């Protein structure tokens, strides 16, 4: 069994299936039947007039544990990308085997740079070749290879990314939401911890008041629930808090 990081970028257009949904579908196709589908993390990249994007310029990444080899993984991912990507998109695919030796710092630096500067395709291909990352484009200009490679780096960084979808704890069934302890939340989900927006790890006995949309983040290499203090209660993070991830 080997461990891989797989990231895609720039697969959608206005009114079409989102990149996150396509990433989840690829993960589902690749996931062994005995394993749970891996969570997909969304990584925000630089928004600039020189960078083509649909709405937010974000890459989607997931970790995969499988016995499949690189060519098998790539074949499945490419087929689905080509079939599902919007005609006007510029899809990119990056695949990294985690069980080999590579310069993770260089990849993390590339990812962090892609959050604040315009990066070119030649730069992405040069680094991918140097690090042994499988990087390929599958339509349009292929600009998505930049974000796909950057997404790998940001996932490795371990301090970046929102988990696609919502955490369902029944909070949307009533206007008041639900009241659960940290221990109960962790038991009912695959989350590793609950943290405050200041970085404090909450004790298992702390009570959380969860309402509406509850989102998880990737923090210190763990899937975590972000909360903040409001009127003396611990509440799930708002959109403005989640923007940092």
C-alpha atoms as a PDB file:
ATOM      1  CA  UNK A   1       0.000   0.000   0.000  1.00  0.00           C
ATOM      2  CA  UNK A   2       1.418   3.375  -1.041  1.00  0.00           C
ATOM      3  CA  UNK A   3       0.482   6.930  -0.086  1.00  0.00           C
ATOM      4  CA  UNK A   4      -0.154   9.614  -2.702  1.00  0.00           C
ATOM      5  CA  UNK A   5      -1.222  13.236  -2.894  1.00  0.00           C
ATOM      6  CA  UNK A   6      -3.365  14.101  -5.919  1.00  0.00           C
ATOM      7  CA  UNK A   7      -4.368  17.623  -6.863  1.00  0.00           C
ATOM      8  CA  UNK A   8      -6.370  19.143  -9.724  1.00  0.00           C
ATOM      9  CA  UNK A   9      -7.030  22.718 -10.777  1.00  0.00           C
ATOM     10  CA  UNK A  10      -8.908  24.765 -13.370  1.00  0.00           C
ATOM     11  CA  UNK A  11     -11.486  22.214 -14.481  1.00  0.00           C
ATOM     12  CA  UNK A  12     -14.665  24.285 -14.347  1.00  0.00           C
ATOM     13  CA  UNK A  13     -16.481  27.232 -15.872  1.00  0.00           C
ATOM     14  CA  UNK A  14     -19.450  29.329 -14.777  1.00  0.00           C
ATOM     15  CA  UNK A  15     -22.474  27.051 -14.444  1.00  0.00           C
ATOM     16  CA  UNK A  16     -20.546  23.772 -14.709  1.00  0.00           C
ATOM     17  CA  UNK A  17     -19.522  21.082 -12.231  1.00  0.00           C
ATOM     18  CA  UNK A  18     -17.000  22.470  -9.722  1.00  0.00           C
ATOM     19  CA  UNK A  19     -13.390  21.352  -9.394  1.00  0.00           C
ATOM     20  CA  UNK A  20     -14.060  20.127  -5.863  1.00  0.00           C
ATOM     21  CA  UNK A  21     -16.844  17.836  -7.036  1.00  0.00           C
ATOM     22  CA  UNK A  22     -14.632  16.429  -9.796  1.00  0.00           C
ATOM     23  CA  UNK A  23     -11.848  15.843  -7.247  1.00  0.00           C
ATOM     24  CA  UNK A  24     -14.263  13.936  -5.007  1.00  0.00           C
ATOM     25  CA  UNK A  25     -15.361  11.813  -7.937  1.00  0.00           C
ATOM     26  CA  UNK A  26     -11.754  10.968  -8.826  1.00  0.00           C
ATOM     27  CA  UNK A  27     -11.059  10.104  -5.192  1.00  0.00           C
ATOM     28  CA  UNK A  28     -14.080   7.826  -5.166  1.00  0.00           C
ATOM     29  CA  UNK A  29     -12.977   6.100  -8.375  1.00  0.00           C
ATOM     30  CA  UNK A  30      -9.477   5.516  -7.006  1.00  0.00           C
ATOM     31  CA  UNK A  31     -10.374   4.601  -3.449  1.00  0.00           C
ATOM     32  CA  UNK A  32     -10.172   0.923  -2.531  1.00  0.00           C
ATOM     33  CA  UNK A  33     -13.558  -0.463  -1.521  1.00  0.00           C
ATOM     34  CA  UNK A  34     -12.291  -1.196   2.002  1.00  0.00           C
ATOM     35  CA  UNK A  35     -11.284   2.427   2.633  1.00  0.00           C
ATOM     36  CA  UNK A  36     -13.317   5.537   3.299  1.00  0.00           C
ATOM     37  CA  UNK A  37     -13.245   8.171   0.581  1.00  0.00           C
ATOM     38  CA  UNK A  38     -10.525  10.695   1.458  1.00  0.00           C
ATOM     39  CA  UNK A  39     -11.465  14.254   2.276  1.00  0.00           C
ATOM     40  CA  UNK A  40     -10.705  16.878  -0.363  1.00  0.00           C
ATOM     41  CA  UNK A  41      -9.074  20.124   0.744  1.00  0.00           C
ATOM     42  CA  UNK A  42      -9.546  23.426  -1.050  1.00  0.00           C
ATOM     43  CA  UNK A  43      -6.476  25.660  -1.312  1.00  0.00           C
ATOM     44  CA  UNK A  44      -6.874  29.331  -2.176  1.00  0.00           C
ATOM     45  CA  UNK A  45      -4.347  30.704  -4.690  1.00  0.00           C
ATOM     46  CA  UNK A  46      -3.425  34.214  -5.836  1.00  0.00           C
ATOM     47  CA  UNK A  47      -6.203  36.228  -7.465  1.00  0.00           C
ATOM     48  CA  UNK A  48      -4.748  38.489 -10.168  1.00  0.00           C
ATOM     49  CA  UNK A  49      -5.808  39.789 -13.625  1.00  0.00           C
ATOM     50  CA  UNK A  50      -2.979  37.810 -15.230  1.00  0.00           C
ATOM     51  CA  UNK A  51      -4.320  34.537 -13.811  1.00  0.00           C
ATOM     52  CA  UNK A  52      -7.355  32.965 -15.523  1.00  0.00           C
ATOM     53  CA  UNK A  53      -9.841  31.453 -13.062  1.00  0.00           C
ATOM     54  CA  UNK A  54     -13.571  30.864 -12.763  1.00  0.00           C
ATOM     55  CA  UNK A  55     -14.500  32.469  -9.452  1.00  0.00           C
ATOM     56  CA  UNK A  56     -11.981  31.949  -6.642  1.00  0.00           C
ATOM     57  CA  UNK A  57      -8.809  30.390  -8.107  1.00  0.00           C
ATOM     58  CA  UNK A  58      -8.532  27.417  -5.807  1.00  0.00           C
ATOM     59  CA  UNK A  59      -6.959  23.971  -6.203  1.00  0.00           C
ATOM     60  CA  UNK A  60      -8.399  20.729  -4.818  1.00  0.00           C
ATOM     61  CA  UNK A  61      -6.209  18.071  -3.215  1.00  0.00           C
ATOM     62  CA  UNK A  62      -6.660  14.699  -1.521  1.00  0.00           C
ATOM     63  CA  UNK A  63      -4.504  11.963  -0.036  1.00  0.00           C
ATOM     64  CA  UNK A  64      -4.899   8.411  -1.294  1.00  0.00           C
ATOM     65  CA  UNK A  65      -3.781   5.094   0.165  1.00  0.00           C
ATOM     66  CA  UNK A  66      -3.775   2.433  -2.543  1.00  0.00           C
ATOM     67  CA  UNK A  67      -1.944  -0.512  -4.035  1.00  0.00           C
ATOM     68  CA  UNK A  68      -2.332   0.978  -7.508  1.00  0.00           C
ATOM     69  CA  UNK A  69       0.758   2.230  -9.326  1.00  0.00           C
ATOM     70  CA  UNK A  70       1.301   5.715 -10.759  1.00  0.00           C
ATOM     71  CA  UNK A  71       0.219   4.858 -14.299  1.00  0.00           C
ATOM     72  CA  UNK A  72      -2.987   3.241 -13.051  1.00  0.00           C
ATOM     73  CA  UNK A  73      -3.799   6.251 -10.874  1.00  0.00           C
ATOM     74  CA  UNK A  74      -3.022   8.677 -13.660  1.00  0.00           C
ATOM     75  CA  UNK A  75      -5.076   6.748 -16.214  1.00  0.00           C
ATOM     76  CA  UNK A  76      -8.211   6.882 -14.022  1.00  0.00           C
ATOM     77  CA  UNK A  77      -7.712  10.528 -13.052  1.00  0.00           C
ATOM     78  CA  UNK A  78      -6.997  11.742 -16.599  1.00  0.00           C
ATOM     79  CA  UNK A  79      -9.972   9.890 -18.069  1.00  0.00           C
ATOM     80  CA  UNK A  80     -12.338  11.495 -15.581  1.00  0.00           C
ATOM     81  CA  UNK A  81     -10.753  14.932 -15.953  1.00  0.00           C
ATOM     82  CA  UNK A  82     -11.154  14.858 -19.714  1.00  0.00           C
ATOM     83  CA  UNK A  83     -14.746  13.631 -19.476  1.00  0.00           C
ATOM     84  CA  UNK A  84     -15.916  16.027 -16.754  1.00  0.00           C
ATOM     85  CA  UNK A  85     -13.940  19.256 -17.208  1.00  0.00           C
ATOM     86  CA  UNK A  86     -15.694  22.200 -18.844  1.00  0.00           C
ATOM     87  CA  UNK A  87     -14.808  22.838 -22.529  1.00  0.00           C
ATOM     88  CA  UNK A  88     -13.409  26.291 -21.718  1.00  0.00           C
ATOM     89  CA  UNK A  89     -11.281  25.104 -18.791  1.00  0.00           C
ATOM     90  CA  UNK A  90      -7.513  24.528 -18.589  1.00  0.00           C
ATOM     91  CA  UNK A  91      -7.206  21.394 -16.405  1.00  0.00           C
ATOM     92  CA  UNK A  92      -4.011  20.424 -14.631  1.00  0.00           C
ATOM     93  CA  UNK A  93      -3.198  17.258 -12.677  1.00  0.00           C
ATOM     94  CA  UNK A  94      -0.397  16.690 -10.160  1.00  0.00           C
ATOM     95  CA  UNK A  95       0.401  13.343  -8.518  1.00  0.00           C
ATOM     96  CA  UNK A  96       3.019  12.883  -5.801  1.00  0.00           C
ATOM     97  CA  UNK A  97       4.139   9.605  -4.233  1.00  0.00           C
ATOM     98  CA  UNK A  98       4.704  10.347  -0.550  1.00  0.00           C
ATOM     99  CA  UNK A  99       6.790   7.246   0.141  1.00  0.00           C
ATOM    100  CA  UNK A 100       9.753   8.479  -1.908  1.00  0.00           C
ATOM    101  CA  UNK A 101      12.418  11.014  -1.022  1.00  0.00           C
ATOM    102  CA  UNK A 102      11.741  14.529  -2.331  1.00  0.00           C
ATOM    103  CA  UNK A 103      12.362  18.120  -1.286  1.00  0.00           C
ATOM    104  CA  UNK A 104       9.121  18.857   0.524  1.00  0.00           C
ATOM    105  CA  UNK A 105      10.338  22.339   1.511  1.00  0.00           C
ATOM    106  CA  UNK A 106      10.694  23.336  -2.148  1.00  0.00           C
ATOM    107  CA  UNK A 107       7.168  22.156  -2.869  1.00  0.00           C
ATOM    108  CA  UNK A 108       5.750  23.983   0.174  1.00  0.00           C
ATOM    109  CA  UNK A 109       7.583  27.166  -0.846  1.00  0.00           C
ATOM    110  CA  UNK A 110       6.080  26.906  -4.333  1.00  0.00           C
ATOM    111  CA  UNK A 111       2.603  26.525  -2.856  1.00  0.00           C
ATOM    112  CA  UNK A 112       2.996  29.504  -0.545  1.00  0.00           C
ATOM    113  CA  UNK A 113       4.389  31.597  -3.403  1.00  0.00           C
ATOM    114  CA  UNK A 114       1.356  30.726  -5.528  1.00  0.00           C
ATOM    115  CA  UNK A 115      -0.837  32.365  -2.888  1.00  0.00           C
ATOM    116  CA  UNK A 116       0.795  35.755  -3.419  1.00  0.00           C
ATOM    117  CA  UNK A 117       2.530  35.888  -6.831  1.00  0.00           C
ATOM    118  CA  UNK A 118       1.943  35.076 -10.485  1.00  0.00           C
ATOM    119  CA  UNK A 119       3.802  31.881 -11.417  1.00  0.00           C
ATOM    120  CA  UNK A 120       4.410  30.525 -14.922  1.00  0.00           C
ATOM    121  CA  UNK A 121       3.943  27.063 -16.400  1.00  0.00           C
ATOM    122  CA  UNK A 122       7.689  26.649 -17.112  1.00  0.00           C
ATOM    123  CA  UNK A 123       8.393  27.275 -13.414  1.00  0.00           C
ATOM    124  CA  UNK A 124       5.871  24.615 -12.441  1.00  0.00           C
ATOM    125  CA  UNK A 125       7.192  22.025 -14.895  1.00  0.00           C
ATOM    126  CA  UNK A 126      10.800  22.688 -13.903  1.00  0.00           C
ATOM    127  CA  UNK A 127      10.067  22.094 -10.221  1.00  0.00           C
ATOM    128  CA  UNK A 128       7.886  19.044 -10.902  1.00  0.00           C
ATOM    129  CA  UNK A 129      10.647  17.411 -12.931  1.00  0.00           C
ATOM    130  CA  UNK A 130      13.206  18.191 -10.234  1.00  0.00           C
ATOM    131  CA  UNK A 131      11.036  16.686  -7.475  1.00  0.00           C
ATOM    132  CA  UNK A 132       9.673  13.709  -9.396  1.00  0.00           C
ATOM    133  CA  UNK A 133       6.081  14.921  -9.396  1.00  0.00           C
ATOM    134  CA  UNK A 134       3.834  13.704 -12.207  1.00  0.00           C
ATOM    135  CA  UNK A 135       2.469  16.956 -13.665  1.00  0.00           C
ATOM    136  CA  UNK A 136       0.260  17.048 -16.750  1.00  0.00           C
ATOM    137  CA  UNK A 137      -2.224  19.283 -18.575  1.00  0.00           C
ATOM    138  CA  UNK A 138      -5.438  18.060 -20.146  1.00  0.00           C
ATOM    139  CA  UNK A 139      -7.067  20.787 -22.195  1.00  0.00           C
ATOM    140  CA  UNK A 140      -7.081  24.469 -23.047  1.00  0.00           C
ATOM    141  CA  UNK A 141      -3.926  26.320 -22.116  1.00  0.00           C
ATOM    142  CA  UNK A 142      -3.055  23.821 -19.411  1.00  0.00           C
ATOM    143  CA  UNK A 143      -2.588  26.659 -16.909  1.00  0.00           C
ATOM    144  CA  UNK A 144      -4.118  24.416 -14.264  1.00  0.00           C
ATOM    145  CA  UNK A 145      -0.777  22.645 -13.800  1.00  0.00           C
ATOM    146  CA  UNK A 146       0.418  25.638 -11.766  1.00  0.00           C
ATOM    147  CA  UNK A 147      -2.407  25.411  -9.257  1.00  0.00           C
ATOM    148  CA  UNK A 148      -2.278  21.616  -9.180  1.00  0.00           C
ATOM    149  CA  UNK A 149       1.389  21.652  -8.190  1.00  0.00           C
ATOM    150  CA  UNK A 150       0.819  24.485  -5.722  1.00  0.00           C
ATOM    151  CA  UNK A 151      -2.034  22.546  -4.123  1.00  0.00           C
ATOM    152  CA  UNK A 152       0.317  19.649  -3.377  1.00  0.00           C
ATOM    153  CA  UNK A 153       2.686  22.037  -1.613  1.00  0.00           C
ATOM    154  CA  UNK A 154      -0.067  23.659   0.419  1.00  0.00           C
ATOM    155  CA  UNK A 155      -1.431  20.292   1.549  1.00  0.00           C
ATOM    156  CA  UNK A 156       2.090  19.276   2.593  1.00  0.00           C
ATOM    157  CA  UNK A 157       2.399  22.568   4.450  1.00  0.00           C
ATOM    158  CA  UNK A 158      -0.335  21.322   6.768  1.00  0.00           C
ATOM    159  CA  UNK A 159      -1.596  24.781   7.721  1.00  0.00           C
ATOM    160  CA  UNK A 160      -3.777  25.558   4.740  1.00  0.00           C
ATOM    161  CA  UNK A 161      -7.058  24.469   3.238  1.00  0.00           C
ATOM    162  CA  UNK A 162     -10.744  24.095   3.924  1.00  0.00           C
ATOM    163  CA  UNK A 163     -12.355  20.678   3.662  1.00  0.00           C
ATOM    164  CA  UNK A 164     -14.872  20.454   0.843  1.00  0.00           C
ATOM    165  CA  UNK A 165     -18.448  20.027   1.993  1.00  0.00           C
ATOM    166  CA  UNK A 166     -19.941  20.422   5.435  1.00  0.00           C
ATOM    167  CA  UNK A 167     -19.740  18.594   8.737  1.00  0.00           C
ATOM    168  CA  UNK A 168     -23.235  17.259   9.384  1.00  0.00           C
ATOM    169  CA  UNK A 169     -24.085  17.021  13.072  1.00  0.00           C
ATOM    170  CA  UNK A 170     -27.761  17.778  12.685  1.00  0.00           C
ATOM    171  CA  UNK A 171     -27.193  21.483  13.269  1.00  0.00           C
ATOM    172  CA  UNK A 172     -29.260  22.577  10.281  1.00  0.00           C
ATOM    173  CA  UNK A 173     -32.374  20.757  11.399  1.00  0.00           C
ATOM    174  CA  UNK A 174     -33.375  23.602  13.717  1.00  0.00           C
ATOM    175  CA  UNK A 175     -32.759  27.339  13.940  1.00  0.00           C
ATOM    176  CA  UNK A 176     -31.104  26.896  17.334  1.00  0.00           C
ATOM    177  CA  UNK A 177     -28.619  24.349  16.009  1.00  0.00           C
ATOM    178  CA  UNK A 178     -27.128  21.699  18.332  1.00  0.00           C
ATOM    179  CA  UNK A 179     -25.183  21.700  21.568  1.00  0.00           C
ATOM    180  CA  UNK A 180     -22.413  19.082  21.734  1.00  0.00           C
ATOM    181  CA  UNK A 181     -19.209  18.528  23.673  1.00  0.00           C
ATOM    182  CA  UNK A 182     -15.890  18.430  21.857  1.00  0.00           C
ATOM    183  CA  UNK A 183     -15.658  14.728  22.691  1.00  0.00           C
ATOM    184  CA  UNK A 184     -19.049  14.070  21.082  1.00  0.00           C
ATOM    185  CA  UNK A 185     -18.090  15.971  17.921  1.00  0.00           C
ATOM    186  CA  UNK A 186     -14.827  14.053  17.551  1.00  0.00           C
ATOM    187  CA  UNK A 187     -16.569  10.731  18.147  1.00  0.00           C
ATOM    188  CA  UNK A 188     -19.230  11.407  15.508  1.00  0.00           C
ATOM    189  CA  UNK A 189     -16.822  12.680  12.837  1.00  0.00           C
ATOM    190  CA  UNK A 190     -13.366  11.904  11.478  1.00  0.00           C
ATOM    191  CA  UNK A 191     -12.038  15.194  12.863  1.00  0.00           C
ATOM    192  CA  UNK A 192      -8.875  15.165  14.943  1.00  0.00           C
ATOM    193  CA  UNK A 193      -9.403  18.254  17.087  1.00  0.00           C
ATOM    194  CA  UNK A 194     -11.400  21.392  17.764  1.00  0.00           C
ATOM    195  CA  UNK A 195      -9.426  24.635  17.782  1.00  0.00           C
ATOM    196  CA  UNK A 196     -10.202  28.287  18.383  1.00  0.00           C
ATOM    197  CA  UNK A 197      -9.417  31.019  15.851  1.00  0.00           C
ATOM    198  CA  UNK A 198      -6.509  31.933  18.167  1.00  0.00           C
ATOM    199  CA  UNK A 199      -5.061  28.420  17.863  1.00  0.00           C
ATOM    200  CA  UNK A 200      -6.180  27.063  21.246  1.00  0.00           C
ATOM    201  CA  UNK A 201      -6.983  23.334  21.303  1.00  0.00           C
ATOM    202  CA  UNK A 202     -10.252  22.852  23.169  1.00  0.00           C
ATOM    203  CA  UNK A 203     -10.640  20.260  25.923  1.00  0.00           C
ATOM    204  CA  UNK A 204     -12.938  17.305  25.366  1.00  0.00           C
ATOM    205  CA  UNK A 205     -15.469  18.584  27.903  1.00  0.00           C
ATOM    206  CA  UNK A 206     -15.962  22.025  26.301  1.00  0.00           C
ATOM    207  CA  UNK A 207     -19.464  22.607  24.946  1.00  0.00           C
ATOM    208  CA  UNK A 208     -19.943  23.771  21.352  1.00  0.00           C
ATOM    209  CA  UNK A 209     -22.979  25.555  19.926  1.00  0.00           C
ATOM    210  CA  UNK A 210     -23.107  24.633  16.246  1.00  0.00           C
ATOM    211  CA  UNK A 211     -25.460  26.260  13.754  1.00  0.00           C
ATOM    212  CA  UNK A 212     -26.013  26.385   9.989  1.00  0.00           C
ATOM    213  CA  UNK A 213     -22.934  25.569   7.891  1.00  0.00           C
ATOM    214  CA  UNK A 214     -20.144  23.842   9.818  1.00  0.00           C
ATOM    215  CA  UNK A 215     -16.860  23.628   7.924  1.00  0.00           C
ATOM    216  CA  UNK A 216     -13.647  21.780   8.744  1.00  0.00           C
ATOM    217  CA  UNK A 217     -10.127  23.027   8.016  1.00  0.00           C
ATOM    218  CA  UNK A 218      -6.692  21.444   7.659  1.00  0.00           C
ATOM    219  CA  UNK A 219      -4.595  22.696  10.586  1.00  0.00           C
ATOM    220  CA  UNK A 220      -1.269  21.366  11.898  1.00  0.00           C
ATOM    221  CA  UNK A 221      -1.676  18.362   9.585  1.00  0.00           C
ATOM    222  CA  UNK A 222      -5.028  17.419  11.124  1.00  0.00           C
ATOM    223  CA  UNK A 223      -8.622  17.835  10.037  1.00  0.00           C
ATOM    224  CA  UNK A 224     -10.003  20.277  12.574  1.00  0.00           C
ATOM    225  CA  UNK A 225     -13.157  22.142  13.512  1.00  0.00           C
ATOM    226  CA  UNK A 226     -12.581  25.887  13.851  1.00  0.00           C
ATOM    227  CA  UNK A 227     -14.576  27.745  16.523  1.00  0.00           C
ATOM    228  CA  UNK A 228     -14.732  31.197  18.058  1.00  0.00           C
ATOM    229  CA  UNK A 229     -16.006  32.700  21.310  1.00  0.00           C
ATOM    230  CA  UNK A 230     -19.299  34.560  20.963  1.00  0.00           C
ATOM    231  CA  UNK A 231     -21.362  35.829  23.892  1.00  0.00           C
ATOM    232  CA  UNK A 232     -19.635  33.390  26.213  1.00  0.00           C
ATOM    233  CA  UNK A 233     -20.189  30.363  23.982  1.00  0.00           C
ATOM    234  CA  UNK A 234     -18.001  28.376  21.602  1.00  0.00           C
ATOM    235  CA  UNK A 235     -19.550  28.650  18.122  1.00  0.00           C
ATOM    236  CA  UNK A 236     -18.534  27.279  14.729  1.00  0.00           C
ATOM    237  CA  UNK A 237     -16.380  29.675  12.697  1.00  0.00           C
ATOM    238  CA  UNK A 238     -17.984  32.151  10.344  1.00  0.00           C
ATOM    239  CA  UNK A 239     -17.057  32.713   6.697  1.00  0.00           C
ATOM    240  CA  UNK A 240     -14.790  35.622   7.649  1.00  0.00           C
ATOM    241  CA  UNK A 241     -12.802  33.345   9.979  1.00  0.00           C
ATOM    242  CA  UNK A 242     -12.500  30.577   7.401  1.00  0.00           C
ATOM    243  CA  UNK A 243     -11.051  32.913   4.763  1.00  0.00           C
ATOM    244  CA  UNK A 244      -7.638  32.569   6.400  1.00  0.00           C
ATOM    245  CA  UNK A 245      -7.622  28.941   5.242  1.00  0.00           C
END
